[in-house]
């Protein structure tokens, strides 16, 4: 599904990613963990094509095709979704209208018929109910006045509607309570069951208790320094990252 080969990237003339290699198959969940400043969010933004990141080596392939020359909207149309760590509030933009515009843009790019208002409302209500997001939030301005958990549920709602081939979720579990965490995990597992791939950037085990990853990777100083299964999450939870320095030494 996604192949990253020797990826190196700069931000503000500072080398952040220093040779990332990663392969994610359909239906797999991969977790990226690591200390602050290790490059986790930069990796997520680089895959999605966010501005401000300069790729100076390597390749990103989606279904064996390079996406490096595609802008963010084209990458989205190809099946890449980025759930933000800090979702932006956009006053004046109705949440439902935003969701309809986004989904119909994806459908039209794939030569599919756009949904009319009735079809869209039925689909959005179905997906919102799945993650426990009250339908009243659909009529509000996009993320305006939403709590942290409501913003993150709204990101998951977007993912469920757009149904991307791979969703990159950047600290989707930060700033949420137990109920929101459970709803987020439910949305992720629904996508996984459909054969979609997930890349989770997280600091904590609590989300991974609900969404068991196929692989866990530790990113440190711009490189993946350790990969493993769920046992690696438990080791990091109990010992932190310092033992990796000792192991490397």
Protein backbone atom coordinates (compact mmCIF):
# COMPACT_ATOMS: atom_id res chain seq x y z
CA UNK A 1 0.00 0.00 0.00
CA UNK A 2 2.67 2.51 1.11
CA UNK A 3 6.41 2.21 0.57
CA UNK A 4 8.86 4.77 1.94
CA UNK A 5 12.46 4.40 0.82
CA UNK A 6 15.41 6.25 2.37
CA UNK A 7 13.26 9.35 2.92
CA UNK A 8 15.16 12.47 3.94
CA UNK A 9 13.46 15.81 4.53
CA UNK A 10 14.24 19.30 5.81
CA UNK A 11 12.13 21.91 7.53
CA UNK A 12 13.41 25.49 7.85
CA UNK A 13 16.78 24.33 6.48
CA UNK A 14 17.13 21.82 9.32
CA UNK A 15 17.48 18.14 8.43
CA UNK A 16 14.62 16.37 10.25
CA UNK A 17 14.18 13.01 8.52
CA UNK A 18 17.47 11.21 7.94
CA UNK A 19 16.62 8.09 5.99
CA UNK A 20 13.20 6.56 6.75
CA UNK A 21 12.33 3.12 5.38
CA UNK A 22 8.80 1.85 5.95
CA UNK A 23 6.45 -0.61 4.24
CA UNK A 24 2.75 -0.78 5.13
CA UNK A 25 0.52 -3.46 3.60
CA UNK A 26 -3.26 -3.24 3.08
CA UNK A 27 -5.17 -3.63 6.34
CA UNK A 28 -2.11 -3.10 8.52
CA UNK A 29 -1.84 -0.68 11.44
CA UNK A 30 1.63 0.71 12.11
CA UNK A 31 2.41 2.86 15.15
CA UNK A 32 5.13 5.49 15.17
CA UNK A 33 6.42 6.38 18.63
CA UNK A 34 9.38 8.39 19.85
CA UNK A 35 10.49 11.31 22.00
CA UNK A 36 9.49 14.89 21.25
CA UNK A 37 11.40 16.39 18.33
CA UNK A 38 12.21 13.05 16.75
CA UNK A 39 10.42 13.82 13.46
CA UNK A 40 7.10 12.01 13.89
CA UNK A 41 4.85 14.88 12.80
CA UNK A 42 7.27 15.83 10.03
CA UNK A 43 6.98 12.29 8.66
CA UNK A 44 3.18 12.51 8.71
CA UNK A 45 3.19 15.91 7.00
CA UNK A 46 5.75 14.81 4.42
CA UNK A 47 3.59 11.86 3.33
CA UNK A 48 0.55 14.12 3.03
CA UNK A 49 2.48 16.75 1.05
CA UNK A 50 2.18 19.59 3.55
CA UNK A 51 3.99 22.82 2.58
CA UNK A 52 7.17 23.81 4.38
CA UNK A 53 8.82 20.39 4.08
CA UNK A 54 11.65 19.94 1.56
CA UNK A 55 12.39 16.36 0.50
CA UNK A 56 16.05 16.06 -0.38
CA UNK A 57 16.29 12.31 -0.94
CA UNK A 58 14.24 9.15 -1.09
CA UNK A 59 10.86 8.07 -2.42
CA UNK A 60 7.25 7.70 -1.30
CA UNK A 61 5.20 5.17 -3.26
CA UNK A 62 1.45 4.59 -3.01
CA UNK A 63 0.44 1.36 -4.76
CA UNK A 64 3.89 1.34 -6.42
CA UNK A 65 3.48 4.84 -7.87
CA UNK A 66 5.47 7.86 -6.72
CA UNK A 67 3.45 10.64 -5.11
CA UNK A 68 6.29 13.13 -4.65
CA UNK A 69 5.13 15.36 -7.51
CA UNK A 70 1.51 15.46 -6.31
CA UNK A 71 0.14 18.37 -4.28
CA UNK A 72 -1.84 17.65 -1.08
CA UNK A 73 -5.25 17.64 -2.80
CA UNK A 74 -4.01 15.22 -5.46
CA UNK A 75 -2.60 12.93 -2.78
CA UNK A 76 -5.97 13.03 -1.03
CA UNK A 77 -7.67 12.06 -4.28
CA UNK A 78 -5.24 9.15 -4.61
CA UNK A 79 -6.28 7.88 -1.18
CA UNK A 80 -4.12 9.57 1.49
CA UNK A 81 -5.73 11.14 4.54
CA UNK A 82 -4.07 13.14 7.31
CA UNK A 83 -5.79 13.54 10.67
CA UNK A 84 -4.32 16.59 12.35
CA UNK A 85 -2.79 16.80 15.80
CA UNK A 86 -4.31 20.27 16.16
CA UNK A 87 -7.45 20.51 13.97
CA UNK A 88 -8.03 24.07 12.78
CA UNK A 89 -11.16 26.05 13.65
CA UNK A 90 -12.69 27.65 10.55
CA UNK A 91 -15.39 30.22 11.43
CA UNK A 92 -18.10 30.69 8.82
CA UNK A 93 -17.69 27.23 7.28
CA UNK A 94 -20.53 24.84 8.08
CA UNK A 95 -19.24 21.42 9.13
CA UNK A 96 -21.71 19.46 7.00
CA UNK A 97 -21.02 21.64 3.96
CA UNK A 98 -17.29 21.07 4.42
CA UNK A 99 -17.75 17.30 4.65
CA UNK A 100 -20.00 17.27 1.55
CA UNK A 101 -17.51 19.33 -0.47
CA UNK A 102 -14.61 17.10 0.56
CA UNK A 103 -16.37 13.82 -0.20
CA UNK A 104 -17.80 14.97 -3.53
CA UNK A 105 -14.37 16.23 -4.58
CA UNK A 106 -12.97 12.74 -3.97
CA UNK A 107 -15.87 11.07 -5.80
CA UNK A 108 -15.60 13.36 -8.82
CA UNK A 109 -11.82 12.80 -9.04
CA UNK A 110 -12.58 9.07 -9.35
CA UNK A 111 -15.27 9.66 -12.00
CA UNK A 112 -18.06 8.77 -9.57
CA UNK A 113 -21.36 10.59 -9.17
CA UNK A 114 -21.45 13.16 -6.33
CA UNK A 115 -23.97 12.62 -3.54
CA UNK A 116 -27.04 14.81 -3.34
CA UNK A 117 -28.08 16.50 -0.10
CA UNK A 118 -30.31 13.64 1.08
CA UNK A 119 -27.75 10.93 0.37
CA UNK A 120 -25.05 12.96 2.06
CA UNK A 121 -27.08 13.62 5.19
CA UNK A 122 -27.96 9.94 5.57
CA UNK A 123 -24.33 8.86 5.16
CA UNK A 124 -22.94 11.48 7.53
CA UNK A 125 -25.50 10.67 10.22
CA UNK A 126 -24.64 6.97 9.93
CA UNK A 127 -20.89 7.60 10.32
CA UNK A 128 -21.38 10.17 13.10
CA UNK A 129 -23.54 7.74 15.07
CA UNK A 130 -20.82 5.11 14.74
CA UNK A 131 -18.38 7.25 16.72
CA UNK A 132 -20.93 8.90 19.02
CA UNK A 133 -20.73 12.39 17.52
CA UNK A 134 -24.06 14.15 18.05
CA UNK A 135 -25.69 15.24 14.80
CA UNK A 136 -25.94 18.81 16.15
CA UNK A 137 -22.21 19.18 15.48
CA UNK A 138 -22.88 18.80 11.77
CA UNK A 139 -24.67 22.15 11.67
CA UNK A 140 -21.99 24.05 13.57
CA UNK A 141 -19.02 25.94 12.19
CA UNK A 142 -16.08 23.65 11.47
CA UNK A 143 -14.41 22.80 14.81
CA UNK A 144 -15.43 26.17 16.30
CA UNK A 145 -16.13 25.74 20.00
CA UNK A 146 -15.48 21.99 19.80
CA UNK A 147 -13.68 20.37 22.72
CA UNK A 148 -10.45 18.48 22.06
CA UNK A 149 -12.29 15.17 21.94
CA UNK A 150 -15.00 16.54 19.64
CA UNK A 151 -12.39 17.88 17.22
CA UNK A 152 -10.67 14.50 17.12
CA UNK A 153 -13.98 12.67 16.60
CA UNK A 154 -14.66 15.05 13.73
CA UNK A 155 -11.31 14.07 12.20
CA UNK A 156 -12.32 10.42 12.45
CA UNK A 157 -15.69 11.27 10.89
CA UNK A 158 -13.84 12.78 7.92
CA UNK A 159 -11.75 9.62 7.63
CA UNK A 160 -14.81 7.36 7.68
CA UNK A 161 -16.55 9.45 5.00
CA UNK A 162 -13.57 9.82 2.67
CA UNK A 163 -12.58 6.16 3.15
CA UNK A 164 -8.89 6.63 2.25
CA UNK A 165 -6.56 3.80 1.32
CA UNK A 166 -4.22 4.94 4.08
CA UNK A 167 -5.00 7.23 7.00
CA UNK A 168 -2.15 8.98 8.81
CA UNK A 169 -3.36 10.00 12.25
CA UNK A 170 -1.04 12.42 14.01
CA UNK A 171 -1.58 12.13 17.78
CA UNK A 172 -5.28 11.57 17.30
CA UNK A 173 -5.40 10.46 20.96
CA UNK A 174 -3.99 13.64 22.50
CA UNK A 175 -6.36 15.80 24.54
CA UNK A 176 -9.24 13.31 24.57
CA UNK A 177 -11.16 11.63 27.38
CA UNK A 178 -11.85 7.92 27.76
CA UNK A 179 -15.15 8.01 25.83
CA UNK A 180 -13.63 9.91 22.91
CA UNK A 181 -10.65 7.55 22.88
CA UNK A 182 -12.96 4.55 22.62
CA UNK A 183 -14.89 6.18 19.76
CA UNK A 184 -11.67 7.03 17.92
CA UNK A 185 -10.43 3.46 18.29
CA UNK A 186 -13.76 2.14 16.97
CA UNK A 187 -13.47 4.28 13.85
CA UNK A 188 -9.90 3.13 13.24
CA UNK A 189 -10.82 -0.53 13.65
CA UNK A 190 -13.73 -0.14 11.20
CA UNK A 191 -11.28 1.11 8.55
CA UNK A 192 -8.85 -1.68 9.33
CA UNK A 193 -11.57 -4.32 8.86
CA UNK A 194 -12.23 -2.88 5.39
CA UNK A 195 -8.62 -3.52 4.40
CA UNK A 196 -7.53 0.10 4.75
CA UNK A 197 -4.11 0.91 6.21
CA UNK A 198 -3.41 3.13 9.21
CA UNK A 199 -0.28 4.95 10.35
CA UNK A 200 -0.68 6.07 13.97
CA UNK A 201 1.63 8.68 15.46
CA UNK A 202 1.29 8.46 19.23
CA UNK A 203 3.08 8.90 22.54
CA UNK A 204 0.89 6.59 24.60
CA UNK A 205 -0.06 2.96 25.00
CA UNK A 206 -3.69 3.70 25.83
CA UNK A 207 -4.83 4.02 22.19
CA UNK A 208 -2.80 0.97 21.18
CA UNK A 209 -4.59 -1.09 23.85
CA UNK A 210 -7.75 -0.55 21.75
CA UNK A 211 -6.08 -0.69 18.32
CA UNK A 212 -3.46 -3.43 18.39
CA UNK A 213 -0.76 -2.44 15.85
CA UNK A 214 0.79 -4.95 13.46
CA UNK A 215 4.11 -3.18 13.87
CA UNK A 216 5.54 -0.52 16.16
CA UNK A 217 8.43 1.73 15.11
CA UNK A 218 10.49 4.01 17.32
CA UNK A 219 11.59 7.20 15.60
CA UNK A 220 14.54 9.00 17.15
CA UNK A 221 16.58 11.86 15.71
CA UNK A 222 15.02 11.37 12.30
CA UNK A 223 15.59 7.62 11.99
CA UNK A 224 13.69 4.46 12.85
CA UNK A 225 15.93 2.93 15.51
CA UNK A 226 13.73 0.03 16.61
CA UNK A 227 10.77 -1.94 15.26
CA UNK A 228 8.73 -4.69 16.84
CA UNK A 229 5.32 -5.87 17.94
CA UNK A 230 3.05 -4.82 20.79
CA UNK A 231 5.63 -5.95 23.31
CA UNK A 232 7.75 -2.99 22.23
CA UNK A 233 4.92 -0.62 23.26
CA UNK A 234 4.84 -2.21 26.71
CA UNK A 235 8.60 -1.90 27.04
CA UNK A 236 8.52 1.77 26.09
CA UNK A 237 5.67 2.38 28.54
CA UNK A 238 7.65 0.89 31.41
CA UNK A 239 11.18 1.99 30.51
CA UNK A 240 10.85 5.09 28.33
CA UNK A 241 13.36 5.69 25.54
CA UNK A 242 16.61 5.86 27.48
CA UNK A 243 17.21 2.10 27.22
CA UNK A 244 17.47 2.49 23.45
CA UNK A 245 20.53 4.66 23.96
CA UNK A 246 22.06 2.00 26.18
CA UNK A 247 21.18 -0.76 23.69
CA UNK A 248 22.72 1.26 20.85
CA UNK A 249 25.88 1.87 22.86
